[in-house]
Amino acid sequence: MDFRLGWAPTEPDPLIRRLTLSHALYRGIQDVNTCVRYFKRFAGDYEIDPDKILLWGDGSGGIMAWSA
């Protein structure tokens, strides 16, 4: 899965740093949910059971999987 990046940790303005972090988290959750919808829709093409999709990740990927 390819995902969008959106956090600006080097931004000097603390408000912008905080807001970009929350937006990056929100966009990441959106991307994971989009990925799950895609695999459910095309489950037949991938020969998978759409009711048994497992999300797994390490670090920020784990947070995205847990949040979705």
PDB file of N, CA and C in Angstrom:
ATOM      1  N   MET A   1       0.837  -1.171   0.000  1.00  0.00           N
ATOM      2  CA  MET A   1       0.000   0.000   0.000  1.00  0.00           C
ATOM      3  C   MET A   1       0.886   1.239   0.000  1.00  0.00           C
ATOM      4  N   ASP A   2       0.601   2.147  -0.871  1.00  0.00           N
ATOM      5  CA  ASP A   2       1.293   3.427  -0.879  1.00  0.00           C
ATOM      6  C   ASP A   2       0.454   4.404  -0.067  1.00  0.00           C
ATOM      7  N   PHE A   3       1.072   5.305   0.635  1.00  0.00           N
ATOM      8  CA  PHE A   3       0.323   6.215   1.491  1.00  0.00           C
ATOM      9  C   PHE A   3       0.848   7.634   1.346  1.00  0.00           C
ATOM     10  N   ARG A   4       0.005   8.574   1.779  1.00  0.00           N
ATOM     11  CA  ARG A   4       0.367   9.991   1.702  1.00  0.00           C
ATOM     12  C   ARG A   4       1.187  10.391   2.919  1.00  0.00           C
ATOM     13  N   LEU A   5       2.088  11.309   2.708  1.00  0.00           N
ATOM     14  CA  LEU A   5       2.876  11.863   3.807  1.00  0.00           C
ATOM     15  C   LEU A   5       2.364  13.275   4.078  1.00  0.00           C
ATOM     16  N   GLY A   6       2.419  13.708   5.329  1.00  0.00           N
ATOM     17  CA  GLY A   6       1.882  15.030   5.577  1.00  0.00           C
ATOM     18  C   GLY A   6       2.393  15.717   6.825  1.00  0.00           C
ATOM     19  N   TRP A   7       3.331  15.129   7.522  1.00  0.00           N
ATOM     20  CA  TRP A   7       3.805  15.749   8.756  1.00  0.00           C
ATOM     21  C   TRP A   7       5.023  16.600   8.450  1.00  0.00           C
ATOM     22  N   ALA A   8       5.076  17.789   9.053  1.00  0.00           N
ATOM     23  CA  ALA A   8       6.203  18.701   8.840  1.00  0.00           C
ATOM     24  C   ALA A   8       6.942  18.905  10.160  1.00  0.00           C
ATOM     25  N   PRO A   9       7.742  17.914  10.613  1.00  0.00           N
ATOM     26  CA  PRO A   9       8.374  18.008  11.929  1.00  0.00           C
ATOM     27  C   PRO A   9       9.419  19.112  12.046  1.00  0.00           C
ATOM     28  N   THR A  10       9.924  19.622  10.934  1.00  0.00           N
ATOM     29  CA  THR A  10      10.944  20.670  10.995  1.00  0.00           C
ATOM     30  C   THR A  10      10.358  22.074  10.886  1.00  0.00           C
ATOM     31  N   GLU A  11       9.054  22.172  10.774  1.00  0.00           N
ATOM     32  CA  GLU A  11       8.392  23.483  10.696  1.00  0.00           C
ATOM     33  C   GLU A  11       8.651  24.259  11.984  1.00  0.00           C
ATOM     34  N   PRO A  12       9.112  25.519  11.893  1.00  0.00           N
ATOM     35  CA  PRO A  12       9.411  26.281  13.111  1.00  0.00           C
ATOM     36  C   PRO A  12       8.175  26.657  13.936  1.00  0.00           C
ATOM     37  N   ASP A  13       7.028  26.786  13.300  1.00  0.00           N
ATOM     38  CA  ASP A  13       5.810  27.175  14.021  1.00  0.00           C
ATOM     39  C   ASP A  13       5.208  25.950  14.716  1.00  0.00           C
ATOM     40  N   PRO A  14       5.134  25.938  16.064  1.00  0.00           N
ATOM     41  CA  PRO A  14       4.623  24.763  16.773  1.00  0.00           C
ATOM     42  C   PRO A  14       3.169  24.441  16.444  1.00  0.00           C
ATOM     43  N   LEU A  15       2.368  25.453  16.140  1.00  0.00           N
ATOM     44  CA  LEU A  15       0.967  25.203  15.790  1.00  0.00           C
ATOM     45  C   LEU A  15       0.877  24.414  14.487  1.00  0.00           C
ATOM     46  N   ILE A  16       1.666  24.813  13.510  1.00  0.00           N
ATOM     47  CA  ILE A  16       1.661  24.099  12.227  1.00  0.00           C
ATOM     48  C   ILE A  16       2.182  22.679  12.411  1.00  0.00           C
ATOM     49  N   ARG A  17       3.238  22.503  13.226  1.00  0.00           N
ATOM     50  CA  ARG A  17       3.744  21.141  13.480  1.00  0.00           C
ATOM     51  C   ARG A  17       2.646  20.266  14.067  1.00  0.00           C
ATOM     52  N   ARG A  18       1.919  20.788  15.060  1.00  0.00           N
ATOM     53  CA  ARG A  18       0.874  20.003  15.723  1.00  0.00           C
ATOM     54  C   ARG A  18      -0.269  19.696  14.757  1.00  0.00           C
ATOM     55  N   LEU A  19      -0.698  20.698  13.986  1.00  0.00           N
ATOM     56  CA  LEU A  19      -1.811  20.484  13.064  1.00  0.00           C
ATOM     57  C   LEU A  19      -1.439  19.532  11.940  1.00  0.00           C
ATOM     58  N   THR A  20      -0.206  19.635  11.435  1.00  0.00           N
ATOM     59  CA  THR A  20       0.176  18.718  10.361  1.00  0.00           C
ATOM     60  C   THR A  20       0.276  17.290  10.880  1.00  0.00           C
ATOM     61  N   LEU A  21       0.667  17.119  12.142  1.00  0.00           N
ATOM     62  CA  LEU A  21       0.723  15.770  12.709  1.00  0.00           C
ATOM     63  C   LEU A  21      -0.673  15.168  12.805  1.00  0.00           C
ATOM     64  N   SER A  22      -1.648  15.942  13.282  1.00  0.00           N
ATOM     65  CA  SER A  22      -3.010  15.407  13.393  1.00  0.00           C
ATOM     66  C   SER A  22      -3.599  15.138  12.015  1.00  0.00           C
ATOM     67  N   HIS A  23      -3.287  15.980  11.031  1.00  0.00           N
ATOM     68  CA  HIS A  23      -3.772  15.729   9.677  1.00  0.00           C
ATOM     69  C   HIS A  23      -3.101  14.500   9.064  1.00  0.00           C
ATOM     70  N   ALA A  24      -1.822  14.305   9.348  1.00  0.00           N
ATOM     71  CA  ALA A  24      -1.126  13.123   8.836  1.00  0.00           C
ATOM     72  C   ALA A  24      -1.748  11.854   9.410  1.00  0.00           C
ATOM     73  N   LEU A  25      -2.085  11.877  10.691  1.00  0.00           N
ATOM     74  CA  LEU A  25      -2.740  10.728  11.311  1.00  0.00           C
ATOM     75  C   LEU A  25      -4.092  10.467  10.664  1.00  0.00           C
ATOM     76  N   TYR A  26      -4.870  11.513  10.474  1.00  0.00           N
ATOM     77  CA  TYR A  26      -6.190  11.383   9.853  1.00  0.00           C
ATOM     78  C   TYR A  26      -6.071  10.833   8.432  1.00  0.00           C
ATOM     79  N   ARG A  27      -5.126  11.374   7.650  1.00  0.00           N
ATOM     80  CA  ARG A  27      -4.949  10.890   6.277  1.00  0.00           C
ATOM     81  C   ARG A  27      -4.469   9.445   6.254  1.00  0.00           C
ATOM     82  N   GLY A  28      -3.624   9.075   7.201  1.00  0.00           N
ATOM     83  CA  GLY A  28      -3.163   7.690   7.269  1.00  0.00           C
ATOM     84  C   GLY A  28      -4.302   6.722   7.523  1.00  0.00           C
ATOM     85  N   ILE A  29      -5.198   7.080   8.438  1.00  0.00           N
ATOM     86  CA  ILE A  29      -6.360   6.231   8.722  1.00  0.00           C
ATOM     87  C   ILE A  29      -7.257   6.153   7.492  1.00  0.00           C
ATOM     88  N   GLN A  30      -7.443   7.273   6.801  1.00  0.00           N
ATOM     89  CA  GLN A  30      -8.224   7.256   5.565  1.00  0.00           C
ATOM     90  C   GLN A  30      -7.598   6.307   4.544  1.00  0.00           C
ATOM     91  N   ASP A  31      -6.291   6.354   4.399  1.00  0.00           N
ATOM     92  CA  ASP A  31      -5.605   5.506   3.425  1.00  0.00           C
ATOM     93  C   ASP A  31      -5.758   4.024   3.757  1.00  0.00           C
ATOM     94  N   VAL A  32      -5.657   3.679   5.031  1.00  0.00           N
ATOM     95  CA  VAL A  32      -5.825   2.278   5.432  1.00  0.00           C
ATOM     96  C   VAL A  32      -7.251   1.821   5.142  1.00  0.00           C
ATOM     97  N   ASN A  33      -8.227   2.637   5.485  1.00  0.00           N
ATOM     98  CA  ASN A  33      -9.621   2.272   5.221  1.00  0.00           C
ATOM     99  C   ASN A  33      -9.882   2.136   3.724  1.00  0.00           C
ATOM    100  N   THR A  34      -9.273   2.994   2.915  1.00  0.00           N
ATOM    101  CA  THR A  34      -9.405   2.888   1.461  1.00  0.00           C
ATOM    102  C   THR A  34      -8.805   1.580   0.966  1.00  0.00           C
ATOM    103  N   CYS A  35      -7.677   1.202   1.513  1.00  0.00           N
ATOM    104  CA  CYS A  35      -7.022  -0.050   1.140  1.00  0.00           C
ATOM    105  C   CYS A  35      -7.906  -1.256   1.472  1.00  0.00           C
ATOM    106  N   VAL A  36      -8.500  -1.247   2.656  1.00  0.00           N
ATOM    107  CA  VAL A  36      -9.382  -2.349   3.061  1.00  0.00           C
ATOM    108  C   VAL A  36     -10.595  -2.414   2.139  1.00  0.00           C
ATOM    109  N   ARG A  37     -11.203  -1.265   1.830  1.00  0.00           N
ATOM    110  CA  ARG A  37     -12.352  -1.252   0.914  1.00  0.00           C
ATOM    111  C   ARG A  37     -11.967  -1.804  -0.454  1.00  0.00           C
ATOM    112  N   TYR A  38     -10.785  -1.461  -0.923  1.00  0.00           N
ATOM    113  CA  TYR A  38     -10.313  -1.947  -2.213  1.00  0.00           C
ATOM    114  C   TYR A  38     -10.226  -3.473  -2.215  1.00  0.00           C
ATOM    115  N   PHE A  39      -9.587  -4.038  -1.188  1.00  0.00           N
ATOM    116  CA  PHE A  39      -9.436  -5.491  -1.155  1.00  0.00           C
ATOM    117  C   PHE A  39     -10.763  -6.201  -0.947  1.00  0.00           C
ATOM    118  N   LYS A  40     -11.690  -5.586  -0.230  1.00  0.00           N
ATOM    119  CA  LYS A  40     -13.016  -6.195  -0.097  1.00  0.00           C
ATOM    120  C   LYS A  40     -13.744  -6.181  -1.439  1.00  0.00           C
ATOM    121  N   ARG A  41     -13.597  -5.081  -2.170  1.00  0.00           N
ATOM    122  CA  ARG A  41     -14.283  -4.962  -3.455  1.00  0.00           C
ATOM    123  C   ARG A  41     -13.719  -5.936  -4.492  1.00  0.00           C
ATOM    124  N   PHE A  42     -12.409  -6.110  -4.495  1.00  0.00           N
ATOM    125  CA  PHE A  42     -11.763  -6.967  -5.488  1.00  0.00           C
ATOM    126  C   PHE A  42     -11.261  -8.278  -4.883  1.00  0.00           C
ATOM    127  N   ALA A  43     -11.927  -8.750  -3.853  1.00  0.00           N
ATOM    128  CA  ALA A  43     -11.513  -9.981  -3.166  1.00  0.00           C
ATOM    129  C   ALA A  43     -11.467 -11.167  -4.126  1.00  0.00           C
ATOM    130  N   GLY A  44     -12.403 -11.238  -5.034  1.00  0.00           N
ATOM    131  CA  GLY A  44     -12.429 -12.333  -5.999  1.00  0.00           C
ATOM    132  C   GLY A  44     -11.205 -12.349  -6.895  1.00  0.00           C
ATOM    133  N   ASP A  45     -10.739 -11.177  -7.293  1.00  0.00           N
ATOM    134  CA  ASP A  45      -9.549 -11.085  -8.146  1.00  0.00           C
ATOM    135  C   ASP A  45      -8.296 -11.575  -7.420  1.00  0.00           C
ATOM    136  N   TYR A  46      -8.262 -11.367  -6.109  1.00  0.00           N
ATOM    137  CA  TYR A  46      -7.102 -11.774  -5.311  1.00  0.00           C
ATOM    138  C   TYR A  46      -7.312 -13.125  -4.623  1.00  0.00           C
ATOM    139  N   GLU A  47      -8.474 -13.720  -4.837  1.00  0.00           N
ATOM    140  CA  GLU A  47      -8.842 -15.009  -4.236  1.00  0.00           C
ATOM    141  C   GLU A  47      -8.664 -14.984  -2.722  1.00  0.00           C
ATOM    142  N   ILE A  48      -9.243 -13.958  -2.092  1.00  0.00           N
ATOM    143  CA  ILE A  48      -9.204 -13.838  -0.634  1.00  0.00           C
ATOM    144  C   ILE A  48     -10.626 -13.767  -0.093  1.00  0.00           C
ATOM    145  N   ASP A  49     -10.781 -14.090   1.176  1.00  0.00           N
ATOM    146  CA  ASP A  49     -12.062 -13.983   1.857  1.00  0.00           C
ATOM    147  C   ASP A  49     -12.203 -12.541   2.352  1.00  0.00           C
ATOM    148  N   PRO A  50     -13.186 -11.781   1.854  1.00  0.00           N
ATOM    149  CA  PRO A  50     -13.309 -10.379   2.249  1.00  0.00           C
ATOM    150  C   PRO A  50     -13.680 -10.181   3.714  1.00  0.00           C
ATOM    151  N   ASP A  51     -14.096 -11.239   4.384  1.00  0.00           N
ATOM    152  CA  ASP A  51     -14.437 -11.148   5.806  1.00  0.00           C
ATOM    153  C   ASP A  51     -13.249 -11.482   6.706  1.00  0.00           C
ATOM    154  N   LYS A  52     -12.109 -11.806   6.109  1.00  0.00           N
ATOM    155  CA  LYS A  52     -10.927 -12.182   6.897  1.00  0.00           C
ATOM    156  C   LYS A  52      -9.703 -11.400   6.429  1.00  0.00           C
ATOM    157  N   ILE A  53      -9.803 -10.095   6.502  1.00  0.00           N
ATOM    158  CA  ILE A  53      -8.682  -9.234   6.128  1.00  0.00           C
ATOM    159  C   ILE A  53      -7.970  -8.817   7.405  1.00  0.00           C
ATOM    160  N   LEU A  54      -6.684  -9.075   7.457  1.00  0.00           N
ATOM    161  CA  LEU A  54      -5.876  -8.773   8.637  1.00  0.00           C
ATOM    162  C   LEU A  54      -5.004  -7.556   8.357  1.00  0.00           C
ATOM    163  N   LEU A  55      -4.996  -6.633   9.296  1.00  0.00           N
ATOM    164  CA  LEU A  55      -4.119  -5.464   9.204  1.00  0.00           C
ATOM    165  C   LEU A  55      -3.000  -5.634  10.208  1.00  0.00           C
ATOM    166  N   TRP A  56      -1.785  -5.327   9.766  1.00  0.00           N
ATOM    167  CA  TRP A  56      -0.628  -5.491  10.633  1.00  0.00           C
ATOM    168  C   TRP A  56       0.365  -4.392  10.297  1.00  0.00           C
ATOM    169  N   GLY A  57       1.050  -3.917  11.292  1.00  0.00           N
ATOM    170  CA  GLY A  57       2.057  -2.900  11.038  1.00  0.00           C
ATOM    171  C   GLY A  57       2.997  -2.768  12.214  1.00  0.00           C
ATOM    172  N   ASP A  58       4.095  -2.102  11.974  1.00  0.00           N
ATOM    173  CA  ASP A  58       5.103  -1.863  12.998  1.00  0.00           C
ATOM    174  C   ASP A  58       5.304  -0.356  13.095  1.00  0.00           C
ATOM    175  N   GLY A  59       5.360   0.164  14.284  1.00  0.00           N
ATOM    176  CA  GLY A  59       5.536   1.604  14.462  1.00  0.00           C
ATOM    177  C   GLY A  59       4.290   2.360  14.042  1.00  0.00           C
ATOM    178  N   SER A  60       4.464   3.342  13.165  1.00  0.00           N
ATOM    179  CA  SER A  60       3.315   4.132  12.720  1.00  0.00           C
ATOM    180  C   SER A  60       2.339   3.284  11.910  1.00  0.00           C
ATOM    181  N   GLY A  61       2.841   2.271  11.201  1.00  0.00           N
ATOM    182  CA  GLY A  61       1.948   1.363  10.482  1.00  0.00           C
ATOM    183  C   GLY A  61       1.054   0.580  11.426  1.00  0.00           C
ATOM    184  N   GLY A  62       1.585   0.208  12.586  1.00  0.00           N
ATOM    185  CA  GLY A  62       0.780  -0.471  13.600  1.00  0.00           C
ATOM    186  C   GLY A  62      -0.299   0.436  14.158  1.00  0.00           C
ATOM    187  N   ILE A  63       0.038   1.698  14.345  1.00  0.00           N
ATOM    188  CA  ILE A  63      -0.961   2.655  14.827  1.00  0.00           C
ATOM    189  C   ILE A  63      -2.068   2.818  13.793  1.00  0.00           C
ATOM    190  N   MET A  64      -1.702   2.881  12.516  1.00  0.00           N
ATOM    191  CA  MET A  64      -2.713   3.000  11.460  1.00  0.00           C
ATOM    192  C   MET A  64      -3.607   1.761  11.423  1.00  0.00           C
ATOM    193  N   ALA A  65      -3.016   0.573  11.520  1.00  0.00           N
ATOM    194  CA  ALA A  65      -3.796  -0.665  11.505  1.00  0.00           C
ATOM    195  C   ALA A  65      -4.731  -0.723  12.700  1.00  0.00           C
ATOM    196  N   TRP A  66      -4.236  -0.335  13.858  1.00  0.00           N
ATOM    197  CA  TRP A  66      -5.051  -0.366  15.074  1.00  0.00           C
ATOM    198  C   TRP A  66      -6.186   0.651  14.991  1.00  0.00           C
ATOM    199  N   SER A  67      -5.926   1.802  14.395  1.00  0.00           N
ATOM    200  CA  SER A  67      -6.922   2.873  14.328  1.00  0.00           C
ATOM    201  C   SER A  67      -8.012   2.601  13.305  1.00  0.00           C
ATOM    202  N   ALA A  68      -7.704   1.831  12.289  1.00  0.00           N
ATOM    203  CA  ALA A  68      -8.696   1.556  11.247  1.00  0.00           C
ATOM    204  C   ALA A  68      -9.685   0.551  11.760  1.00  0.00           C
TER     205      ALA A  68
END
